[in-house]
Amino acid sequence: DYLQSRTDIDTSKIVFYGWSLGSYVATYLAADVYHPPVLVLEAAPASVTALLHDAGLINLPGSYVAEADFDNEARIADIGCPLFMMHGKADDFIVFERHAPLIWEKAVEPKQNLWVEQAGHDDIPEILGNS
């Protein structure tokens, strides 16, 4: 609300960017609070439940460990803006194969991705030569 109230800011250029666990906040805001012109997600987990399964913990739903609705996979279809998604295929924290495709398949058009073969969890800009 604060940024939208400022007359010196062109709110049509506010982009939401969520990296890793911050993608939950960006996706939630884009779906339920303010529809930005673009949502950018980098190394986004599908859900807390998927993270628990990756960690080898007991097969529990994410709601058992987090009160908030941390579920990018379920919420991504509700965004009303274009999506740009990046993920490193060598990510050993948010494993690409177990997260990115789940979100990508549920996302609606328009959407675009950048899957970076050699990138891990936090080095996409470096791998692409933009550090």
C-alpha atoms as a PDB file:
ATOM      1  CA  ASP A   1       0.000   0.000   0.000  1.00  0.00           C
ATOM      2  CA  TYR A   2       2.835   2.375   0.808  1.00  0.00           C
ATOM      3  CA  LEU A   3       4.446   2.167  -2.634  1.00  0.00           C
ATOM      4  CA  GLN A   4       1.070   2.415  -4.339  1.00  0.00           C
ATOM      5  CA  SER A   5       0.307   5.593  -2.397  1.00  0.00           C
ATOM      6  CA  ARG A   6       3.449   7.385  -3.581  1.00  0.00           C
ATOM      7  CA  THR A   7       2.922   9.655  -6.561  1.00  0.00           C
ATOM      8  CA  ASP A   8       6.614   9.571  -7.531  1.00  0.00           C
ATOM      9  CA  ILE A   9       6.560   5.817  -8.243  1.00  0.00           C
ATOM     10  CA  ASP A  10       5.190   4.204 -11.379  1.00  0.00           C
ATOM     11  CA  THR A  11       3.459   1.204  -9.801  1.00  0.00           C
ATOM     12  CA  SER A  12       3.096  -0.477 -13.186  1.00  0.00           C
ATOM     13  CA  LYS A  13       6.846  -1.184 -12.971  1.00  0.00           C
ATOM     14  CA  ILE A  14       6.895  -2.872  -9.556  1.00  0.00           C
ATOM     15  CA  VAL A  15       8.130  -6.432 -10.073  1.00  0.00           C
ATOM     16  CA  PHE A  16       8.022  -9.143  -7.402  1.00  0.00           C
ATOM     17  CA  TYR A  17      11.178 -11.231  -7.105  1.00  0.00           C
ATOM     18  CA  GLY A  18      11.407 -14.226  -4.800  1.00  0.00           C
ATOM     19  CA  TRP A  19      14.546 -16.282  -4.278  1.00  0.00           C
ATOM     20  CA  SER A  20      14.497 -19.630  -2.481  1.00  0.00           C
ATOM     21  CA  LEU A  21      12.232 -19.467   0.588  1.00  0.00           C
ATOM     22  CA  GLY A  22      11.422 -15.841  -0.284  1.00  0.00           C
ATOM     23  CA  SER A  23       9.532 -17.173  -3.291  1.00  0.00           C
ATOM     24  CA  TYR A  24       6.712 -18.156  -0.925  1.00  0.00           C
ATOM     25  CA  VAL A  25       6.176 -14.512   0.009  1.00  0.00           C
ATOM     26  CA  ALA A  26       6.442 -13.262  -3.579  1.00  0.00           C
ATOM     27  CA  THR A  27       3.984 -15.871  -4.883  1.00  0.00           C
ATOM     28  CA  TYR A  28       1.529 -15.242  -2.048  1.00  0.00           C
ATOM     29  CA  LEU A  29       1.611 -11.486  -2.628  1.00  0.00           C
ATOM     30  CA  ALA A  30       1.243 -11.847  -6.408  1.00  0.00           C
ATOM     31  CA  ALA A  31      -1.710 -14.214  -6.021  1.00  0.00           C
ATOM     32  CA  ASP A  32      -3.580 -12.608  -3.133  1.00  0.00           C
ATOM     33  CA  VAL A  33      -2.492  -9.038  -2.421  1.00  0.00           C
ATOM     34  CA  TYR A  34      -1.223  -7.097  -5.440  1.00  0.00           C
ATOM     35  CA  HIS A  35      -0.902  -8.299  -9.007  1.00  0.00           C
ATOM     36  CA  PRO A  36       2.466  -7.027 -10.264  1.00  0.00           C
ATOM     37  CA  PRO A  37       3.327  -6.771 -13.951  1.00  0.00           C
ATOM     38  CA  VAL A  38       5.757  -9.709 -13.557  1.00  0.00           C
ATOM     39  CA  LEU A  39       6.589 -12.356 -10.949  1.00  0.00           C
ATOM     40  CA  VAL A  40      10.198 -13.623 -10.947  1.00  0.00           C
ATOM     41  CA  LEU A  41      11.037 -16.794  -9.011  1.00  0.00           C
ATOM     42  CA  GLU A  42      14.548 -18.160  -8.552  1.00  0.00           C
ATOM     43  CA  ALA A  43      15.297 -21.541  -6.932  1.00  0.00           C
ATOM     44  CA  ALA A  44      11.731 -21.779  -5.657  1.00  0.00           C
ATOM     45  CA  PRO A  45      10.638 -24.777  -3.576  1.00  0.00           C
ATOM     46  CA  ALA A  46       7.345 -26.399  -4.546  1.00  0.00           C
ATOM     47  CA  SER A  47       6.118 -26.580  -0.936  1.00  0.00           C
ATOM     48  CA  VAL A  48       7.179 -27.070   2.665  1.00  0.00           C
ATOM     49  CA  THR A  49       5.911 -30.640   2.351  1.00  0.00           C
ATOM     50  CA  ALA A  50       8.291 -31.261  -0.576  1.00  0.00           C
ATOM     51  CA  LEU A  51      11.182 -29.781   1.434  1.00  0.00           C
ATOM     52  CA  LEU A  52      10.411 -32.116   4.346  1.00  0.00           C
ATOM     53  CA  HIS A  53      10.403 -35.102   2.007  1.00  0.00           C
ATOM     54  CA  ASP A  54      13.731 -33.984   0.520  1.00  0.00           C
ATOM     55  CA  ALA A  55      15.253 -33.763   3.994  1.00  0.00           C
ATOM     56  CA  GLY A  56      14.276 -37.368   4.656  1.00  0.00           C
ATOM     57  CA  LEU A  57      12.063 -36.393   7.556  1.00  0.00           C
ATOM     58  CA  ILE A  58       8.905 -38.243   8.468  1.00  0.00           C
ATOM     59  CA  ASN A  59       6.315 -38.111   5.722  1.00  0.00           C
ATOM     60  CA  LEU A  60       4.303 -35.242   7.212  1.00  0.00           C
ATOM     61  CA  PRO A  61       2.358 -32.473   5.530  1.00  0.00           C
ATOM     62  CA  GLY A  62       4.015 -29.066   5.725  1.00  0.00           C
ATOM     63  CA  SER A  63       1.189 -27.760   7.920  1.00  0.00           C
ATOM     64  CA  TYR A  64       2.619 -29.814  10.795  1.00  0.00           C
ATOM     65  CA  VAL A  65       5.745 -27.639  10.915  1.00  0.00           C
ATOM     66  CA  ALA A  66       4.594 -24.276   9.516  1.00  0.00           C
ATOM     67  CA  GLU A  67       1.415 -22.361  10.219  1.00  0.00           C
ATOM     68  CA  ALA A  68       1.636 -20.329   7.030  1.00  0.00           C
ATOM     69  CA  ASP A  69       0.503 -21.605   3.643  1.00  0.00           C
ATOM     70  CA  PHE A  70       3.922 -22.219   2.078  1.00  0.00           C
ATOM     71  CA  ASP A  71       2.878 -23.933  -1.134  1.00  0.00           C
ATOM     72  CA  ASN A  72       4.117 -22.423  -4.400  1.00  0.00           C
ATOM     73  CA  GLU A  73       2.872 -25.410  -6.369  1.00  0.00           C
ATOM     74  CA  ALA A  74      -0.732 -24.876  -5.275  1.00  0.00           C
ATOM     75  CA  ARG A  75      -0.695 -21.080  -5.368  1.00  0.00           C
ATOM     76  CA  ILE A  76       1.119 -20.490  -8.679  1.00  0.00           C
ATOM     77  CA  ALA A  77      -2.014 -21.010 -10.795  1.00  0.00           C
ATOM     78  CA  ASP A  78      -3.627 -18.071  -8.970  1.00  0.00           C
ATOM     79  CA  ILE A  79      -1.159 -15.416 -10.064  1.00  0.00           C
ATOM     80  CA  GLY A  80      -2.566 -12.931 -12.522  1.00  0.00           C
ATOM     81  CA  CYS A  81       0.664 -11.840 -14.177  1.00  0.00           C
ATOM     82  CA  PRO A  82       3.453 -13.213 -16.380  1.00  0.00           C
ATOM     83  CA  LEU A  83       5.931 -15.544 -14.671  1.00  0.00           C
ATOM     84  CA  PHE A  84       9.684 -15.767 -15.194  1.00  0.00           C
ATOM     85  CA  MET A  85      11.207 -18.723 -13.382  1.00  0.00           C
ATOM     86  CA  MET A  86      14.918 -19.601 -12.944  1.00  0.00           C
ATOM     87  CA  HIS A  87      16.436 -22.670 -11.332  1.00  0.00           C
ATOM     88  CA  GLY A  88      19.859 -24.259 -11.323  1.00  0.00           C
ATOM     89  CA  LYS A  89      19.801 -27.884 -12.407  1.00  0.00           C
ATOM     90  CA  ALA A  90      22.736 -28.593 -10.060  1.00  0.00           C
ATOM     91  CA  ASP A  91      20.875 -27.161  -7.038  1.00  0.00           C
ATOM     92  CA  ASP A  92      21.453 -29.554  -4.139  1.00  0.00           C
ATOM     93  CA  PHE A  93      19.222 -27.686  -1.667  1.00  0.00           C
ATOM     94  CA  ILE A  94      16.011 -27.102  -3.646  1.00  0.00           C
ATOM     95  CA  VAL A  95      16.563 -30.024  -6.012  1.00  0.00           C
ATOM     96  CA  PHE A  96      15.488 -29.008  -9.513  1.00  0.00           C
ATOM     97  CA  GLU A  97      13.743 -32.263 -10.483  1.00  0.00           C
ATOM     98  CA  ARG A  98      11.650 -32.362  -7.304  1.00  0.00           C
ATOM     99  CA  HIS A  99      10.550 -28.732  -7.263  1.00  0.00           C
ATOM    100  CA  ALA A 100      10.812 -26.665 -10.466  1.00  0.00           C
ATOM    101  CA  PRO A 101       8.745 -28.952 -12.740  1.00  0.00           C
ATOM    102  CA  LEU A 102       5.922 -29.127 -10.171  1.00  0.00           C
ATOM    103  CA  ILE A 103       5.573 -25.354 -10.078  1.00  0.00           C
ATOM    104  CA  TRP A 104       6.145 -24.940 -13.818  1.00  0.00           C
ATOM    105  CA  GLU A 105       3.428 -27.420 -14.795  1.00  0.00           C
ATOM    106  CA  LYS A 106       0.820 -25.611 -12.669  1.00  0.00           C
ATOM    107  CA  ALA A 107       1.782 -22.114 -13.828  1.00  0.00           C
ATOM    108  CA  VAL A 108      -0.454 -20.499 -16.417  1.00  0.00           C
ATOM    109  CA  GLU A 109       0.658 -18.599 -19.503  1.00  0.00           C
ATOM    110  CA  PRO A 110       2.361 -16.314 -20.098  1.00  0.00           C
ATOM    111  CA  LYS A 111       5.393 -17.928 -18.542  1.00  0.00           C
ATOM    112  CA  GLN A 112       9.055 -18.264 -19.384  1.00  0.00           C
ATOM    113  CA  ASN A 113      11.886 -20.188 -17.761  1.00  0.00           C
ATOM    114  CA  LEU A 114      15.640 -20.306 -17.565  1.00  0.00           C
ATOM    115  CA  TRP A 115      16.975 -23.673 -16.393  1.00  0.00           C
ATOM    116  CA  VAL A 116      20.744 -23.336 -15.893  1.00  0.00           C
ATOM    117  CA  GLU A 117      22.615 -26.650 -16.213  1.00  0.00           C
ATOM    118  CA  GLN A 118      25.695 -25.931 -14.085  1.00  0.00           C
ATOM    119  CA  ALA A 119      24.074 -23.627 -11.519  1.00  0.00           C
ATOM    120  CA  GLY A 120      23.485 -24.569  -7.917  1.00  0.00           C
ATOM    121  CA  HIS A 121      21.206 -22.938  -5.378  1.00  0.00           C
ATOM    122  CA  ASP A 122      22.679 -19.467  -5.298  1.00  0.00           C
ATOM    123  CA  ASP A 123      24.997 -18.962  -8.248  1.00  0.00           C
ATOM    124  CA  ILE A 124      22.857 -18.449 -11.354  1.00  0.00           C
ATOM    125  CA  PRO A 125      24.150 -14.872 -11.951  1.00  0.00           C
ATOM    126  CA  GLU A 126      27.749 -16.019 -11.484  1.00  0.00           C
ATOM    127  CA  ILE A 127      27.331 -18.997 -13.840  1.00  0.00           C
ATOM    128  CA  LEU A 128      25.757 -16.731 -16.450  1.00  0.00           C
ATOM    129  CA  GLY A 129      28.637 -14.257 -16.115  1.00  0.00           C
ATOM    130  CA  ASN A 130      26.683 -11.498 -14.379  1.00  0.00           C
ATOM    131  CA  SER A 131      28.427 -11.397 -11.011  1.00  0.00           C
END
